[in-house]
Amino acid sequence: MTAGGLRKVLRKRECVEVSQRGSHLKIRCGECLSIVPVHRGDLGTGLLRSIERDFEACLGKGWLRR
């Protein structure tokens, strides 16, 4: 999944882009917060899993795979 695709998924789930510094975007969803790198190409599976874990408390377990 690309950073753009992840941003679309998070926007649909009513998450808010708080700020951006360079190529890193800070996204808040309720009380949850994560940093998403905005680079070309796909994000690595480990990074996607880390972002998924950051938002699990607010969006529920397995939200990215739904």
PDB file of N, CA and C in Angstrom:
ATOM      1  N   MET A   1       0.845  -1.172   0.000  1.00  0.00           N
ATOM      2  CA  MET A   1       0.000   0.000   0.000  1.00  0.00           C
ATOM      3  C   MET A   1       0.889   1.233   0.000  1.00  0.00           C
ATOM      4  N   THR A   2       0.508   2.220  -0.773  1.00  0.00           N
ATOM      5  CA  THR A   2       1.259   3.470  -0.819  1.00  0.00           C
ATOM      6  C   THR A   2       0.793   4.407   0.292  1.00  0.00           C
ATOM      7  N   ALA A   3       1.552   5.455   0.529  1.00  0.00           N
ATOM      8  CA  ALA A   3       1.174   6.440   1.542  1.00  0.00           C
ATOM      9  C   ALA A   3      -0.137   7.129   1.148  1.00  0.00           C
ATOM     10  N   GLY A   4      -0.314   7.395  -0.147  1.00  0.00           N
ATOM     11  CA  GLY A   4      -1.555   8.015  -0.616  1.00  0.00           C
ATOM     12  C   GLY A   4      -2.761   7.127  -0.368  1.00  0.00           C
ATOM     13  N   GLY A   5      -2.608   5.828  -0.598  1.00  0.00           N
ATOM     14  CA  GLY A   5      -3.690   4.888  -0.340  1.00  0.00           C
ATOM     15  C   GLY A   5      -4.043   4.823   1.138  1.00  0.00           C
ATOM     16  N   LEU A   6      -3.018   4.839   1.990  1.00  0.00           N
ATOM     17  CA  LEU A   6      -3.247   4.819   3.432  1.00  0.00           C
ATOM     18  C   LEU A   6      -3.951   6.094   3.881  1.00  0.00           C
ATOM     19  N   ARG A   7      -3.571   7.225   3.323  1.00  0.00           N
ATOM     20  CA  ARG A   7      -4.226   8.495   3.665  1.00  0.00           C
ATOM     21  C   ARG A   7      -5.704   8.455   3.313  1.00  0.00           C
ATOM     22  N   LYS A   8      -6.050   7.871   2.161  1.00  0.00           N
ATOM     23  CA  LYS A   8      -7.455   7.760   1.758  1.00  0.00           C
ATOM     24  C   LYS A   8      -8.235   6.900   2.741  1.00  0.00           C
ATOM     25  N   VAL A   9      -7.650   5.765   3.124  1.00  0.00           N
ATOM     26  CA  VAL A   9      -8.316   4.871   4.073  1.00  0.00           C
ATOM     27  C   VAL A   9      -8.550   5.587   5.402  1.00  0.00           C
ATOM     28  N   LEU A  10      -7.555   6.316   5.878  1.00  0.00           N
ATOM     29  CA  LEU A  10      -7.683   7.012   7.154  1.00  0.00           C
ATOM     30  C   LEU A  10      -8.683   8.159   7.070  1.00  0.00           C
ATOM     31  N   ARG A  11      -8.748   8.865   5.945  1.00  0.00           N
ATOM     32  CA  ARG A  11      -9.741   9.932   5.777  1.00  0.00           C
ATOM     33  C   ARG A  11     -11.157   9.371   5.822  1.00  0.00           C
ATOM     34  N   LYS A  12     -11.380   8.204   5.198  1.00  0.00           N
ATOM     35  CA  LYS A  12     -12.703   7.573   5.224  1.00  0.00           C
ATOM     36  C   LYS A  12     -13.114   7.200   6.640  1.00  0.00           C
ATOM     37  N   ARG A  13     -12.135   6.934   7.487  1.00  0.00           N
ATOM     38  CA  ARG A  13     -12.411   6.581   8.877  1.00  0.00           C
ATOM     39  C   ARG A  13     -12.400   7.809   9.776  1.00  0.00           C
ATOM     40  N   GLU A  14     -12.481   8.988   9.161  1.00  0.00           N
ATOM     41  CA  GLU A  14     -12.598  10.274   9.845  1.00  0.00           C
ATOM     42  C   GLU A  14     -11.383  10.638  10.693  1.00  0.00           C
ATOM     43  N   CYS A  15     -10.215  10.238  10.236  1.00  0.00           N
ATOM     44  CA  CYS A  15      -8.968  10.655  10.880  1.00  0.00           C
ATOM     45  C   CYS A  15      -8.545  11.997  10.293  1.00  0.00           C
ATOM     46  N   VAL A  16      -7.806  12.760  11.064  1.00  0.00           N
ATOM     47  CA  VAL A  16      -7.439  14.126  10.696  1.00  0.00           C
ATOM     48  C   VAL A  16      -5.929  14.241  10.537  1.00  0.00           C
ATOM     49  N   GLU A  17      -5.511  14.872   9.450  1.00  0.00           N
ATOM     50  CA  GLU A  17      -4.091  15.169   9.251  1.00  0.00           C
ATOM     51  C   GLU A  17      -3.765  16.415  10.058  1.00  0.00           C
ATOM     52  N   VAL A  18      -2.957  16.250  11.106  1.00  0.00           N
ATOM     53  CA  VAL A  18      -2.672  17.324  12.047  1.00  0.00           C
ATOM     54  C   VAL A  18      -1.611  18.277  11.506  1.00  0.00           C
ATOM     55  N   SER A  19      -0.482  17.724  11.063  1.00  0.00           N
ATOM     56  CA  SER A  19       0.599  18.556  10.559  1.00  0.00           C
ATOM     57  C   SER A  19       1.523  17.716   9.699  1.00  0.00           C
ATOM     58  N   GLN A  20       2.385  18.424   8.969  1.00  0.00           N
ATOM     59  CA  GLN A  20       3.388  17.740   8.160  1.00  0.00           C
ATOM     60  C   GLN A  20       4.693  18.481   8.299  1.00  0.00           C
ATOM     61  N   ARG A  21       5.751  17.729   8.516  1.00  0.00           N
ATOM     62  CA  ARG A  21       7.082  18.313   8.589  1.00  0.00           C
ATOM     63  C   ARG A  21       7.966  17.518   7.638  1.00  0.00           C
ATOM     64  N   GLY A  22       8.340  18.130   6.555  1.00  0.00           N
ATOM     65  CA  GLY A  22       9.115  17.432   5.546  1.00  0.00           C
ATOM     66  C   GLY A  22       8.261  16.362   4.896  1.00  0.00           C
ATOM     67  N   SER A  23       8.739  15.132   4.914  1.00  0.00           N
ATOM     68  CA  SER A  23       8.009  14.050   4.265  1.00  0.00           C
ATOM     69  C   SER A  23       7.296  13.153   5.278  1.00  0.00           C
ATOM     70  N   HIS A  24       7.029  13.669   6.473  1.00  0.00           N
ATOM     71  CA  HIS A  24       6.347  12.888   7.498  1.00  0.00           C
ATOM     72  C   HIS A  24       5.074  13.608   7.931  1.00  0.00           C
ATOM     73  N   LEU A  25       3.981  12.873   7.899  1.00  0.00           N
ATOM     74  CA  LEU A  25       2.652  13.405   8.168  1.00  0.00           C
ATOM     75  C   LEU A  25       2.153  12.882   9.511  1.00  0.00           C
ATOM     76  N   LYS A  26       1.680  13.774  10.364  1.00  0.00           N
ATOM     77  CA  LYS A  26       1.144  13.399  11.663  1.00  0.00           C
ATOM     78  C   LYS A  26      -0.378  13.284  11.515  1.00  0.00           C
ATOM     79  N   ILE A  27      -0.933  12.115  11.866  1.00  0.00           N
ATOM     80  CA  ILE A  27      -2.364  11.858  11.720  1.00  0.00           C
ATOM     81  C   ILE A  27      -2.945  11.480  13.073  1.00  0.00           C
ATOM     82  N   ARG A  28      -4.090  12.103  13.396  1.00  0.00           N
ATOM     83  CA  ARG A  28      -4.776  11.836  14.655  1.00  0.00           C
ATOM     84  C   ARG A  28      -6.149  11.254  14.364  1.00  0.00           C
ATOM     85  N   CYS A  29      -6.494  10.233  15.140  1.00  0.00           N
ATOM     86  CA  CYS A  29      -7.798   9.600  15.031  1.00  0.00           C
ATOM     87  C   CYS A  29      -8.312   9.424  16.456  1.00  0.00           C
ATOM     88  N   GLY A  30      -9.173  10.314  16.897  1.00  0.00           N
ATOM     89  CA  GLY A  30      -9.609  10.289  18.294  1.00  0.00           C
ATOM     90  C   GLY A  30      -8.427  10.616  19.185  1.00  0.00           C
ATOM     91  N   GLU A  31      -8.107   9.735  20.106  1.00  0.00           N
ATOM     92  CA  GLU A  31      -6.957   9.915  20.997  1.00  0.00           C
ATOM     93  C   GLU A  31      -5.675   9.323  20.423  1.00  0.00           C
ATOM     94  N   CYS A  32      -5.783   8.578  19.330  1.00  0.00           N
ATOM     95  CA  CYS A  32      -4.633   7.892  18.733  1.00  0.00           C
ATOM     96  C   CYS A  32      -3.875   8.820  17.788  1.00  0.00           C
ATOM     97  N   LEU A  33      -2.560   8.634  17.711  1.00  0.00           N
ATOM     98  CA  LEU A  33      -1.706   9.464  16.869  1.00  0.00           C
ATOM     99  C   LEU A  33      -0.630   8.592  16.241  1.00  0.00           C
ATOM    100  N   SER A  34      -0.323   8.873  14.977  1.00  0.00           N
ATOM    101  CA  SER A  34       0.748   8.137  14.301  1.00  0.00           C
ATOM    102  C   SER A  34       1.423   9.037  13.276  1.00  0.00           C
ATOM    103  N   ILE A  35       2.647   8.700  12.951  1.00  0.00           N
ATOM    104  CA  ILE A  35       3.414   9.409  11.936  1.00  0.00           C
ATOM    105  C   ILE A  35       3.464   8.523  10.692  1.00  0.00           C
ATOM    106  N   VAL A  36       3.084   9.087   9.537  1.00  0.00           N
ATOM    107  CA  VAL A  36       3.085   8.346   8.279  1.00  0.00           C
ATOM    108  C   VAL A  36       4.080   9.001   7.328  1.00  0.00           C
ATOM    109  N   PRO A  37       5.088   8.269   6.866  1.00  0.00           N
ATOM    110  CA  PRO A  37       6.015   8.833   5.891  1.00  0.00           C
ATOM    111  C   PRO A  37       5.341   8.947   4.529  1.00  0.00           C
ATOM    112  N   VAL A  38       5.551  10.072   3.866  1.00  0.00           N
ATOM    113  CA  VAL A  38       4.960  10.302   2.549  1.00  0.00           C
ATOM    114  C   VAL A  38       6.090  10.227   1.528  1.00  0.00           C
ATOM    115  N   HIS A  39       6.401   9.011   1.124  1.00  0.00           N
ATOM    116  CA  HIS A  39       7.474   8.748   0.170  1.00  0.00           C
ATOM    117  C   HIS A  39       6.879   8.069  -1.059  1.00  0.00           C
ATOM    118  N   ARG A  40       7.649   7.944  -2.103  1.00  0.00           N
ATOM    119  CA  ARG A  40       7.212   7.213  -3.290  1.00  0.00           C
ATOM    120  C   ARG A  40       7.208   5.719  -3.009  1.00  0.00           C
ATOM    121  N   GLY A  41       6.362   5.004  -3.728  1.00  0.00           N
ATOM    122  CA  GLY A  41       6.347   3.551  -3.619  1.00  0.00           C
ATOM    123  C   GLY A  41       5.544   3.059  -2.434  1.00  0.00           C
ATOM    124  N   ASP A  42       5.593   1.759  -2.261  1.00  0.00           N
ATOM    125  CA  ASP A  42       4.829   1.113  -1.195  1.00  0.00           C
ATOM    126  C   ASP A  42       5.517   1.260   0.155  1.00  0.00           C
ATOM    127  N   LEU A  43       4.696   1.316   1.201  1.00  0.00           N
ATOM    128  CA  LEU A  43       5.204   1.302   2.563  1.00  0.00           C
ATOM    129  C   LEU A  43       5.495  -0.146   2.929  1.00  0.00           C
ATOM    130  N   GLY A  44       6.499  -0.374   3.705  1.00  0.00           N
ATOM    131  CA  GLY A  44       6.866  -1.731   4.101  1.00  0.00           C
ATOM    132  C   GLY A  44       5.817  -2.369   5.009  1.00  0.00           C
ATOM    133  N   THR A  45       5.789  -3.684   5.036  1.00  0.00           N
ATOM    134  CA  THR A  45       4.793  -4.394   5.838  1.00  0.00           C
ATOM    135  C   THR A  45       4.971  -4.133   7.331  1.00  0.00           C
ATOM    136  N   GLY A  46       6.199  -4.023   7.791  1.00  0.00           N
ATOM    137  CA  GLY A  46       6.446  -3.730   9.203  1.00  0.00           C
ATOM    138  C   GLY A  46       5.954  -2.350   9.591  1.00  0.00           C
ATOM    139  N   LEU A  47       6.167  -1.381   8.726  1.00  0.00           N
ATOM    140  CA  LEU A  47       5.709  -0.021   8.972  1.00  0.00           C
ATOM    141  C   LEU A  47       4.184   0.042   8.973  1.00  0.00           C
ATOM    142  N   LEU A  48       3.546  -0.633   8.023  1.00  0.00           N
ATOM    143  CA  LEU A  48       2.081  -0.665   7.986  1.00  0.00           C
ATOM    144  C   LEU A  48       1.515  -1.303   9.251  1.00  0.00           C
ATOM    145  N   ARG A  49       2.143  -2.378   9.708  1.00  0.00           N
ATOM    146  CA  ARG A  49       1.678  -3.044  10.926  1.00  0.00           C
ATOM    147  C   ARG A  49       1.843  -2.132  12.135  1.00  0.00           C
ATOM    148  N   SER A  50       2.912  -1.358  12.180  1.00  0.00           N
ATOM    149  CA  SER A  50       3.140  -0.426  13.276  1.00  0.00           C
ATOM    150  C   SER A  50       2.065   0.669  13.290  1.00  0.00           C
ATOM    151  N   ILE A  51       1.745   1.206  12.121  1.00  0.00           N
ATOM    152  CA  ILE A  51       0.701   2.233  12.015  1.00  0.00           C
ATOM    153  C   ILE A  51      -0.648   1.635  12.397  1.00  0.00           C
ATOM    154  N   GLU A  52      -0.901   0.401  11.964  1.00  0.00           N
ATOM    155  CA  GLU A  52      -2.150  -0.278  12.313  1.00  0.00           C
ATOM    156  C   GLU A  52      -2.266  -0.426  13.835  1.00  0.00           C
ATOM    157  N   ARG A  53      -1.176  -0.801  14.499  1.00  0.00           N
ATOM    158  CA  ARG A  53      -1.175  -0.936  15.956  1.00  0.00           C
ATOM    159  C   ARG A  53      -1.403   0.412  16.643  1.00  0.00           C
ATOM    160  N   ASP A  54      -0.843   1.493  16.078  1.00  0.00           N
ATOM    161  CA  ASP A  54      -1.026   2.817  16.661  1.00  0.00           C
ATOM    162  C   ASP A  54      -2.500   3.210  16.715  1.00  0.00           C
ATOM    163  N   PHE A  55      -3.276   2.795  15.718  1.00  0.00           N
ATOM    164  CA  PHE A  55      -4.684   3.190  15.634  1.00  0.00           C
ATOM    165  C   PHE A  55      -5.654   2.113  16.120  1.00  0.00           C
ATOM    166  N   GLU A  56      -5.173   0.975  16.599  1.00  0.00           N
ATOM    167  CA  GLU A  56      -6.063  -0.110  17.027  1.00  0.00           C
ATOM    168  C   GLU A  56      -6.997   0.300  18.150  1.00  0.00           C
ATOM    169  N   ALA A  57      -6.544   1.091  19.098  1.00  0.00           N
ATOM    170  CA  ALA A  57      -7.389   1.495  20.221  1.00  0.00           C
ATOM    171  C   ALA A  57      -8.580   2.334  19.754  1.00  0.00           C
ATOM    172  N   CYS A  58      -8.406   3.088  18.695  1.00  0.00           N
ATOM    173  CA  CYS A  58      -9.470   3.972  18.200  1.00  0.00           C
ATOM    174  C   CYS A  58     -10.303   3.336  17.090  1.00  0.00           C
ATOM    175  N   LEU A  59      -9.694   2.534  16.223  1.00  0.00           N
ATOM    176  CA  LEU A  59     -10.390   2.002  15.056  1.00  0.00           C
ATOM    177  C   LEU A  59     -10.719   0.514  15.164  1.00  0.00           C
ATOM    178  N   GLY A  60     -10.194  -0.156  16.160  1.00  0.00           N
ATOM    179  CA  GLY A  60     -10.459  -1.574  16.356  1.00  0.00           C
ATOM    180  C   GLY A  60      -9.371  -2.445  15.723  1.00  0.00           C
ATOM    181  N   LYS A  61      -9.316  -3.665  16.197  1.00  0.00           N
ATOM    182  CA  LYS A  61      -8.288  -4.595  15.728  1.00  0.00           C
ATOM    183  C   LYS A  61      -8.536  -4.987  14.264  1.00  0.00           C
ATOM    184  N   GLY A  62      -7.498  -4.982  13.457  1.00  0.00           N
ATOM    185  CA  GLY A  62      -7.603  -5.382  12.057  1.00  0.00           C
ATOM    186  C   GLY A  62      -8.280  -4.361  11.155  1.00  0.00           C
ATOM    187  N   TRP A  63      -8.313  -3.100  11.550  1.00  0.00           N
ATOM    188  CA  TRP A  63      -9.023  -2.081  10.766  1.00  0.00           C
ATOM    189  C   TRP A  63      -8.434  -1.890   9.375  1.00  0.00           C
ATOM    190  N   LEU A  64      -7.165  -2.103   9.214  1.00  0.00           N
ATOM    191  CA  LEU A  64      -6.521  -1.861   7.923  1.00  0.00           C
ATOM    192  C   LEU A  64      -6.865  -2.946   6.901  1.00  0.00           C
ATOM    193  N   ARG A  65      -7.136  -4.134   7.360  1.00  0.00           N
ATOM    194  CA  ARG A  65      -7.416  -5.246   6.451  1.00  0.00           C
ATOM    195  C   ARG A  65      -8.893  -5.347   6.042  1.00  0.00           C
ATOM    196  N   ARG A  66      -9.754  -4.519   6.629  1.00  0.00           N
ATOM    197  CA  ARG A  66     -11.174  -4.564   6.283  1.00  0.00           C
ATOM    198  C   ARG A  66     -11.467  -3.807   5.035  1.00  0.00           C
TER     199      ARG A  66
END
